[in-house]
Amino acid sequence: MSRLRHLRNPLMVIIGLVFVIALSSCSKKEVVQDEPLMNPSDTSGSAMGEGAVASGNAGDAGMAASELETVYFAFDSYALSGDTRSQLKNNLSWLKSNTTAKIQIEGHCDEKGTVEYNMALGDRRANAVKNFLVKSGIDRSRIDTISYGKERPADPGHDESAWSKNRRAVFILLSK
């Protein structure tokens, strides 16, 4: 009975409600991982900017490797299209000729989507390129990857022309 008297006191009820609300707002939020609509085995994505060279938007670790081509991806995809694979074969030849060169592959995205989603997609893009090179005979230890998501656009515009230039993997020469 003594416990019921406390519940009748409006101040105690308010304090109890505040306590419950405070505890529920401190709970961990569930993180939902978005997955791209296309998978890496799907080669229907298109490559953009044929003959493009590495972006001048090089990371802090090195300088853009002008001998290596930037490769482009379709919207919401990290699949390597036929055009992308052709460009990567040129980069592969260069890497095989320069056996001591170390590179970093930067994964980039357009401005659509959340920061978290684009960081993950940029990582998948960089790793898709790395895996292609490793399967083609380049030592894994020569290749680092990093994702910049949508944080370093090649084109700051807000239309499809700009976005297509931002969905890319850029090669950075770390050492020759």
C-alpha atoms as a PDB file:
ATOM      1  CA  MET A   1       0.000   0.000   0.000  1.00  0.00           C
ATOM      2  CA  SER A   2       2.800   2.443   0.765  1.00  0.00           C
ATOM      3  CA  ARG A   3       4.030   2.119  -2.814  1.00  0.00           C
ATOM      4  CA  LEU A   4       0.638   3.077  -4.197  1.00  0.00           C
ATOM      5  CA  ARG A   5       0.685   6.336  -2.213  1.00  0.00           C
ATOM      6  CA  HIS A   6       3.844   7.374  -4.087  1.00  0.00           C
ATOM      7  CA  LEU A   7       2.143   6.789  -7.412  1.00  0.00           C
ATOM      8  CA  ARG A   8      -0.681   9.068  -6.433  1.00  0.00           C
ATOM      9  CA  ASN A   9       1.696  11.916  -5.858  1.00  0.00           C
ATOM     10  CA  PRO A  10       1.753  13.837  -9.200  1.00  0.00           C
ATOM     11  CA  LEU A  11       5.338  14.984  -8.683  1.00  0.00           C
ATOM     12  CA  MET A  12       6.534  11.400  -8.363  1.00  0.00           C
ATOM     13  CA  VAL A  13       4.641  10.427 -11.526  1.00  0.00           C
ATOM     14  CA  ILE A  14       6.268  13.273 -13.474  1.00  0.00           C
ATOM     15  CA  ILE A  15       9.729  12.379 -12.166  1.00  0.00           C
ATOM     16  CA  GLY A  16       9.125   8.744 -13.083  1.00  0.00           C
ATOM     17  CA  LEU A  17       8.076   9.675 -16.621  1.00  0.00           C
ATOM     18  CA  VAL A  18      11.114  11.923 -17.090  1.00  0.00           C
ATOM     19  CA  PHE A  19      13.342   9.084 -15.894  1.00  0.00           C
ATOM     20  CA  VAL A  20      11.772   6.594 -18.334  1.00  0.00           C
ATOM     21  CA  ILE A  21      12.051   9.048 -21.240  1.00  0.00           C
ATOM     22  CA  ALA A  22      15.676   9.806 -20.397  1.00  0.00           C
ATOM     23  CA  LEU A  23      16.564   6.120 -20.324  1.00  0.00           C
ATOM     24  CA  SER A  24      14.805   5.376 -23.592  1.00  0.00           C
ATOM     25  CA  SER A  25      16.544   8.243 -25.398  1.00  0.00           C
ATOM     26  CA  CYS A  26      19.956   6.960 -24.306  1.00  0.00           C
ATOM     27  CA  SER A  27      19.458   3.524 -25.833  1.00  0.00           C
ATOM     28  CA  LYS A  28      21.625   2.531 -28.781  1.00  0.00           C
ATOM     29  CA  LYS A  29      20.132   3.133 -32.167  1.00  0.00           C
ATOM     30  CA  GLU A  30      20.095   0.341 -34.667  1.00  0.00           C
ATOM     31  CA  VAL A  31      22.407   0.945 -37.616  1.00  0.00           C
ATOM     32  CA  VAL A  32      20.973  -0.222 -40.896  1.00  0.00           C
ATOM     33  CA  GLN A  33      23.447  -0.971 -43.640  1.00  0.00           C
ATOM     34  CA  ASP A  34      22.200  -0.007 -47.091  1.00  0.00           C
ATOM     35  CA  GLU A  35      23.398  -2.215 -49.876  1.00  0.00           C
ATOM     36  CA  PRO A  36      23.920  -1.045 -53.440  1.00  0.00           C
ATOM     37  CA  LEU A  37      21.291  -2.090 -55.936  1.00  0.00           C
ATOM     38  CA  MET A  38      23.907  -3.786 -58.115  1.00  0.00           C
ATOM     39  CA  ASN A  39      26.486  -6.380 -57.189  1.00  0.00           C
ATOM     40  CA  PRO A  40      30.074  -6.622 -58.411  1.00  0.00           C
ATOM     41  CA  SER A  41      29.344  -9.560 -60.721  1.00  0.00           C
ATOM     42  CA  ASP A  42      26.859  -7.397 -62.653  1.00  0.00           C
ATOM     43  CA  THR A  43      28.754  -5.812 -65.521  1.00  0.00           C
ATOM     44  CA  SER A  44      25.892  -3.771 -66.911  1.00  0.00           C
ATOM     45  CA  GLY A  45      27.033  -0.527 -65.222  1.00  0.00           C
ATOM     46  CA  SER A  46      28.500   2.070 -67.540  1.00  0.00           C
ATOM     47  CA  ALA A  47      31.882   3.737 -67.311  1.00  0.00           C
ATOM     48  CA  MET A  48      32.074   7.474 -67.787  1.00  0.00           C
ATOM     49  CA  GLY A  49      34.726   9.717 -69.262  1.00  0.00           C
ATOM     50  CA  GLU A  50      36.608   7.472 -71.621  1.00  0.00           C
ATOM     51  CA  GLY A  51      40.318   8.228 -71.629  1.00  0.00           C
ATOM     52  CA  ALA A  52      40.087  10.235 -68.424  1.00  0.00           C
ATOM     53  CA  VAL A  53      43.179  10.667 -66.314  1.00  0.00           C
ATOM     54  CA  ALA A  54      43.486  10.748 -62.554  1.00  0.00           C
ATOM     55  CA  SER A  55      41.770  13.589 -60.767  1.00  0.00           C
ATOM     56  CA  GLY A  56      43.716  16.528 -59.429  1.00  0.00           C
ATOM     57  CA  ASN A  57      41.837  15.876 -56.201  1.00  0.00           C
ATOM     58  CA  ALA A  58      44.627  13.700 -54.816  1.00  0.00           C
ATOM     59  CA  GLY A  59      44.585  12.490 -51.246  1.00  0.00           C
ATOM     60  CA  ASP A  60      47.080  13.576 -48.624  1.00  0.00           C
ATOM     61  CA  ALA A  61      49.178  10.433 -49.082  1.00  0.00           C
ATOM     62  CA  GLY A  62      50.553  11.203 -52.546  1.00  0.00           C
ATOM     63  CA  MET A  63      49.985  12.760 -55.930  1.00  0.00           C
ATOM     64  CA  ALA A  64      47.616  11.738 -58.669  1.00  0.00           C
ATOM     65  CA  ALA A  65      49.306   9.288 -60.987  1.00  0.00           C
ATOM     66  CA  SER A  66      48.869  10.842 -64.433  1.00  0.00           C
ATOM     67  CA  GLU A  67      49.882   7.571 -66.103  1.00  0.00           C
ATOM     68  CA  LEU A  68      46.985   5.766 -64.416  1.00  0.00           C
ATOM     69  CA  GLU A  69      43.405   6.308 -65.493  1.00  0.00           C
ATOM     70  CA  THR A  70      40.554   7.167 -63.174  1.00  0.00           C
ATOM     71  CA  VAL A  71      37.706   4.694 -63.592  1.00  0.00           C
ATOM     72  CA  TYR A  72      34.027   5.533 -63.318  1.00  0.00           C
ATOM     73  CA  PHE A  73      30.976   3.709 -62.011  1.00  0.00           C
ATOM     74  CA  ALA A  74      27.252   3.673 -62.680  1.00  0.00           C
ATOM     75  CA  PHE A  75      24.868   5.150 -60.117  1.00  0.00           C
ATOM     76  CA  ASP A  76      24.684   3.151 -56.874  1.00  0.00           C
ATOM     77  CA  SER A  77      27.106   0.530 -58.205  1.00  0.00           C
ATOM     78  CA  TYR A  78      30.550  -0.818 -57.580  1.00  0.00           C
ATOM     79  CA  ALA A  79      30.363  -3.233 -60.518  1.00  0.00           C
ATOM     80  CA  LEU A  80      33.203  -3.103 -63.029  1.00  0.00           C
ATOM     81  CA  SER A  81      31.704  -2.587 -66.485  1.00  0.00           C
ATOM     82  CA  GLY A  82      33.426  -3.709 -69.667  1.00  0.00           C
ATOM     83  CA  ASP A  83      34.763  -0.184 -70.299  1.00  0.00           C
ATOM     84  CA  THR A  84      36.023   0.019 -66.727  1.00  0.00           C
ATOM     85  CA  ARG A  85      37.806  -3.325 -67.078  1.00  0.00           C
ATOM     86  CA  SER A  86      39.469  -2.103 -70.292  1.00  0.00           C
ATOM     87  CA  GLN A  87      40.739   1.011 -68.515  1.00  0.00           C
ATOM     88  CA  LEU A  88      41.930  -1.116 -65.614  1.00  0.00           C
ATOM     89  CA  LYS A  89      43.893  -3.338 -68.016  1.00  0.00           C
ATOM     90  CA  ASN A  90      45.843  -0.230 -69.074  1.00  0.00           C
ATOM     91  CA  ASN A  91      46.528   0.541 -65.414  1.00  0.00           C
ATOM     92  CA  LEU A  92      47.446  -3.110 -64.868  1.00  0.00           C
ATOM     93  CA  SER A  93      50.053  -2.922 -67.650  1.00  0.00           C
ATOM     94  CA  TRP A  94      51.559   0.174 -66.058  1.00  0.00           C
ATOM     95  CA  LEU A  95      51.687  -1.501 -62.641  1.00  0.00           C
ATOM     96  CA  LYS A  96      53.345  -4.598 -64.125  1.00  0.00           C
ATOM     97  CA  SER A  97      55.961  -2.363 -65.816  1.00  0.00           C
ATOM     98  CA  ASN A  98      56.583  -0.440 -62.577  1.00  0.00           C
ATOM     99  CA  THR A  99      57.023  -3.343 -60.181  1.00  0.00           C
ATOM    100  CA  THR A 100      58.072  -1.239 -57.196  1.00  0.00           C
ATOM    101  CA  ALA A 101      55.272   1.313 -57.460  1.00  0.00           C
ATOM    102  CA  LYS A 102      52.807   1.484 -54.592  1.00  0.00           C
ATOM    103  CA  ILE A 103      49.397   3.017 -55.152  1.00  0.00           C
ATOM    104  CA  GLN A 104      46.370   4.088 -53.236  1.00  0.00           C
ATOM    105  CA  ILE A 105      42.907   3.732 -54.754  1.00  0.00           C
ATOM    106  CA  GLU A 106      40.413   6.372 -53.622  1.00  0.00           C
ATOM    107  CA  GLY A 107      36.740   5.465 -53.795  1.00  0.00           C
ATOM    108  CA  HIS A 108      34.408   8.418 -54.457  1.00  0.00           C
ATOM    109  CA  CYS A 109      30.630   8.884 -54.803  1.00  0.00           C
ATOM    110  CA  ASP A 110      28.147  11.471 -55.952  1.00  0.00           C
ATOM    111  CA  GLU A 111      26.293  13.636 -53.433  1.00  0.00           C
ATOM    112  CA  LYS A 112      23.197  11.464 -53.345  1.00  0.00           C
ATOM    113  CA  GLY A 113      22.704   9.357 -50.218  1.00  0.00           C
ATOM    114  CA  THR A 114      23.901   9.660 -46.648  1.00  0.00           C
ATOM    115  CA  VAL A 115      27.494  10.196 -45.600  1.00  0.00           C
ATOM    116  CA  GLU A 116      27.614   6.681 -44.116  1.00  0.00           C
ATOM    117  CA  TYR A 117      26.160   5.029 -47.198  1.00  0.00           C
ATOM    118  CA  ASN A 118      28.536   6.842 -49.543  1.00  0.00           C
ATOM    119  CA  MET A 119      31.562   6.025 -47.382  1.00  0.00           C
ATOM    120  CA  ALA A 120      30.627   2.341 -47.608  1.00  0.00           C
ATOM    121  CA  LEU A 121      29.967   2.548 -51.367  1.00  0.00           C
ATOM    122  CA  GLY A 122      33.269   4.376 -51.947  1.00  0.00           C
ATOM    123  CA  ASP A 123      35.024   1.626 -50.001  1.00  0.00           C
ATOM    124  CA  ARG A 124      33.350  -1.054 -52.127  1.00  0.00           C
ATOM    125  CA  ARG A 125      34.386   0.755 -55.307  1.00  0.00           C
ATOM    126  CA  ALA A 126      38.017   1.054 -54.231  1.00  0.00           C
ATOM    127  CA  ASN A 127      38.101  -2.593 -53.147  1.00  0.00           C
ATOM    128  CA  ALA A 128      36.431  -3.806 -56.361  1.00  0.00           C
ATOM    129  CA  VAL A 129      39.250  -2.148 -58.305  1.00  0.00           C
ATOM    130  CA  LYS A 130      41.886  -3.509 -55.930  1.00  0.00           C
ATOM    131  CA  ASN A 131      40.476  -7.042 -56.167  1.00  0.00           C
ATOM    132  CA  PHE A 132      40.528  -6.857 -59.970  1.00  0.00           C
ATOM    133  CA  LEU A 133      44.202  -5.833 -59.909  1.00  0.00           C
ATOM    134  CA  VAL A 134      45.141  -8.480 -57.332  1.00  0.00           C
ATOM    135  CA  LYS A 135      43.359 -11.229 -59.310  1.00  0.00           C
ATOM    136  CA  SER A 136      45.292 -10.003 -62.357  1.00  0.00           C
ATOM    137  CA  GLY A 137      48.645 -10.523 -60.656  1.00  0.00           C
ATOM    138  CA  ILE A 138      49.469  -7.343 -58.710  1.00  0.00           C
ATOM    139  CA  ASP A 139      50.722  -7.965 -55.169  1.00  0.00           C
ATOM    140  CA  ARG A 140      48.082  -6.926 -52.629  1.00  0.00           C
ATOM    141  CA  SER A 141      50.756  -5.205 -50.489  1.00  0.00           C
ATOM    142  CA  ARG A 142      51.324  -2.624 -53.263  1.00  0.00           C
ATOM    143  CA  ILE A 143      47.739  -1.348 -53.106  1.00  0.00           C
ATOM    144  CA  ASP A 144      46.061   0.655 -50.344  1.00  0.00           C
ATOM    145  CA  THR A 145      42.448   1.753 -50.484  1.00  0.00           C
ATOM    146  CA  ILE A 146      40.533   4.628 -48.927  1.00  0.00           C
ATOM    147  CA  SER A 147      37.005   5.934 -49.266  1.00  0.00           C
ATOM    148  CA  TYR A 148      36.127   9.601 -49.373  1.00  0.00           C
ATOM    149  CA  GLY A 149      32.456   8.968 -50.084  1.00  0.00           C
ATOM    150  CA  LYS A 150      30.937  12.220 -51.308  1.00  0.00           C
ATOM    151  CA  GLU A 151      33.385  14.471 -49.447  1.00  0.00           C
ATOM    152  CA  ARG A 152      35.782  15.213 -52.346  1.00  0.00           C
ATOM    153  CA  PRO A 153      33.810  15.737 -55.537  1.00  0.00           C
ATOM    154  CA  ALA A 154      35.667  16.139 -58.827  1.00  0.00           C
ATOM    155  CA  ASP A 155      32.808  18.344 -60.026  1.00  0.00           C
ATOM    156  CA  PRO A 156      30.878  20.401 -57.442  1.00  0.00           C
ATOM    157  CA  GLY A 157      27.787  20.670 -59.662  1.00  0.00           C
ATOM    158  CA  HIS A 158      24.367  19.341 -58.727  1.00  0.00           C
ATOM    159  CA  ASP A 159      23.289  17.583 -61.915  1.00  0.00           C
ATOM    160  CA  GLU A 160      23.844  14.241 -63.640  1.00  0.00           C
ATOM    161  CA  SER A 161      26.840  15.549 -65.567  1.00  0.00           C
ATOM    162  CA  ALA A 162      28.623  16.407 -62.302  1.00  0.00           C
ATOM    163  CA  TRP A 163      27.452  13.306 -60.463  1.00  0.00           C
ATOM    164  CA  SER A 164      28.765  10.984 -63.185  1.00  0.00           C
ATOM    165  CA  LYS A 165      32.251  12.504 -62.773  1.00  0.00           C
ATOM    166  CA  ASN A 166      32.116  11.984 -59.011  1.00  0.00           C
ATOM    167  CA  ARG A 167      31.314   8.239 -59.089  1.00  0.00           C
ATOM    168  CA  ARG A 168      34.898   7.131 -59.507  1.00  0.00           C
ATOM    169  CA  ALA A 169      38.034   5.392 -58.295  1.00  0.00           C
ATOM    170  CA  VAL A 170      41.168   7.541 -58.443  1.00  0.00           C
ATOM    171  CA  PHE A 171      44.714   6.158 -58.496  1.00  0.00           C
ATOM    172  CA  ILE A 172      47.268   7.896 -56.268  1.00  0.00           C
ATOM    173  CA  LEU A 173      50.948   7.080 -56.647  1.00  0.00           C
ATOM    174  CA  LEU A 174      52.459   6.605 -53.189  1.00  0.00           C
ATOM    175  CA  SER A 175      55.935   5.589 -54.326  1.00  0.00           C
ATOM    176  CA  LYS A 176      57.593   4.660 -57.571  1.00  0.00           C
END
